Amino acid sequence: MNFSDLTKMKDMMSQAKAVQEQMEQKLSSTIVEAEAGAGMVHVRMNGKKELLTLVIEPTAMGSNASDIELLQDLIMAAVNEAGRRADEAMKQSVAGMMGGLNLPGLS
């Protein structure tokens, strides 16, 4: 490896660190929402997949104790859908950022 190669590698490492910092900021500021059960359960999550809000409509409980299992399933479905949407949003962001790096094999 010559000096030029080392300089290029150092520049690439600096770019990678900058992208990582941008991604951390983007993860915190990206907000996704999802619902389940025709809107009876609604969640908001950030790109770090931290659940920010959970709203359960009163009608979701119904009049039976057996509705608790349904409510649990609806909450899991809404949270999982928010996680999938967070993944999709981050994939799109990463694709946009990586295109500007001009790294071999990534453009």
Protein backbone atom coordinates (compact mmCIF):
# COMPACT_ATOMS: atom_id res chain seq x y z
CA MET A 1 0.00 0.00 0.00
CA ASN A 2 1.37 3.40 -0.90
CA PHE A 3 0.72 6.82 0.63
CA SER A 4 -2.03 7.60 -1.88
CA ASP A 5 -3.88 4.40 -0.98
CA LEU A 6 -3.63 5.21 2.74
CA THR A 7 -4.97 8.72 2.13
CA LYS A 8 -7.90 7.34 0.14
CA MET A 9 -8.63 4.81 2.87
CA LYS A 10 -8.52 7.53 5.53
CA ASP A 11 -10.93 9.65 3.46
CA MET A 12 -13.29 6.70 3.07
CA MET A 13 -13.21 6.06 6.82
CA SER A 14 -14.02 9.73 7.49
CA GLN A 15 -16.92 9.54 5.06
CA ALA A 16 -18.18 6.35 6.71
CA LYS A 17 -18.05 7.99 10.15
CA ALA A 18 -19.97 11.00 8.82
CA VAL A 19 -22.61 8.69 7.34
CA GLN A 20 -22.90 6.83 10.65
CA GLU A 21 -23.47 10.12 12.50
CA GLN A 22 -26.08 11.16 9.92
CA MET A 23 -27.80 7.80 10.29
CA GLU A 24 -27.99 8.13 14.09
CA GLN A 25 -29.60 11.54 13.70
CA LYS A 26 -31.93 10.25 10.98
CA LEU A 27 -32.95 7.26 13.12
CA SER A 28 -33.99 9.55 15.94
CA SER A 29 -35.94 11.95 13.72
CA THR A 30 -37.70 9.40 11.48
CA ILE A 31 -41.23 8.75 12.72
CA VAL A 32 -43.51 6.03 11.37
CA GLU A 33 -47.09 5.22 12.28
CA ALA A 34 -49.15 2.06 11.96
CA GLU A 35 -52.55 0.84 13.03
CA ALA A 36 -54.35 -2.44 13.42
CA GLY A 37 -57.94 -3.52 13.83
CA ALA A 38 -59.37 -0.83 11.55
CA GLY A 39 -57.77 1.89 13.66
CA MET A 40 -58.61 0.47 17.10
CA VAL A 41 -54.88 0.36 17.95
CA HIS A 42 -52.49 3.03 16.68
CA VAL A 43 -48.73 3.28 17.32
CA ARG A 44 -45.92 5.73 16.55
CA MET A 45 -42.30 4.58 16.48
CA ASN A 46 -38.99 6.21 15.62
CA GLY A 47 -36.31 4.81 13.33
CA LYS A 48 -34.59 3.24 16.31
CA LYS A 49 -37.75 1.16 16.70
CA GLU A 50 -38.59 2.82 20.01
CA LEU A 51 -42.35 2.86 20.57
CA LEU A 52 -43.30 6.52 21.07
CA THR A 53 -47.07 6.34 21.48
CA LEU A 54 -49.73 3.67 21.79
CA VAL A 55 -53.39 4.63 21.44
CA ILE A 56 -56.15 2.09 22.10
CA GLU A 57 -59.68 3.09 21.20
CA PRO A 58 -62.16 2.31 24.01
CA THR A 59 -64.24 0.25 21.59
CA ALA A 60 -61.33 -2.18 21.28
CA MET A 61 -62.10 -3.74 24.67
CA GLY A 62 -65.67 -4.70 23.90
CA SER A 63 -67.69 -6.36 26.65
CA ASN A 64 -65.98 -9.75 26.98
CA ALA A 65 -62.88 -10.77 28.88
CA SER A 66 -61.94 -12.74 25.76
CA ASP A 67 -61.40 -9.38 24.02
CA ILE A 68 -58.12 -9.02 25.93
CA GLU A 69 -56.46 -11.63 23.71
CA LEU A 70 -57.72 -9.82 20.62
CA LEU A 71 -56.36 -6.52 21.97
CA GLN A 72 -52.97 -8.09 22.62
CA ASP A 73 -52.86 -9.46 19.08
CA LEU A 74 -53.82 -6.04 17.67
CA ILE A 75 -51.08 -4.30 19.65
CA MET A 76 -48.47 -6.78 18.45
CA ALA A 77 -49.64 -6.38 14.85
CA ALA A 78 -49.48 -2.57 15.03
CA VAL A 79 -46.04 -2.52 16.65
CA ASN A 80 -44.65 -5.05 14.17
CA GLU A 81 -46.05 -3.07 11.23
CA ALA A 82 -44.46 0.12 12.59
CA GLY A 83 -41.14 -1.75 12.82
CA ARG A 84 -41.42 -2.86 9.19
CA ARG A 85 -42.20 0.70 8.13
CA ALA A 86 -39.21 2.00 10.10
CA ASP A 87 -36.99 -0.53 8.31
CA GLU A 88 -38.35 0.54 4.91
CA ALA A 89 -37.86 4.24 5.69
CA MET A 90 -34.27 3.65 6.80
CA LYS A 91 -33.45 1.53 3.72
CA GLN A 92 -34.57 4.39 1.50
CA SER A 93 -32.51 6.90 3.50
CA VAL A 94 -29.40 4.72 3.42
CA ALA A 95 -29.72 4.20 -0.33
CA GLY A 96 -29.84 7.96 -0.85
CA MET A 97 -26.85 8.66 1.40
CA MET A 98 -24.67 5.83 0.12
CA GLY A 99 -25.09 6.96 -3.48
CA GLY A 100 -23.16 10.16 -2.71
CA LEU A 101 -20.11 8.42 -1.24
CA ASN A 102 -18.78 7.02 -4.51
CA LEU A 103 -17.61 3.86 -2.78
CA PRO A 104 -16.70 0.97 -5.09
CA GLY A 105 -19.53 -1.52 -5.42
CA LEU A 106 -22.11 0.70 -3.68
CA SER A 107 -23.03 3.14 -6.41
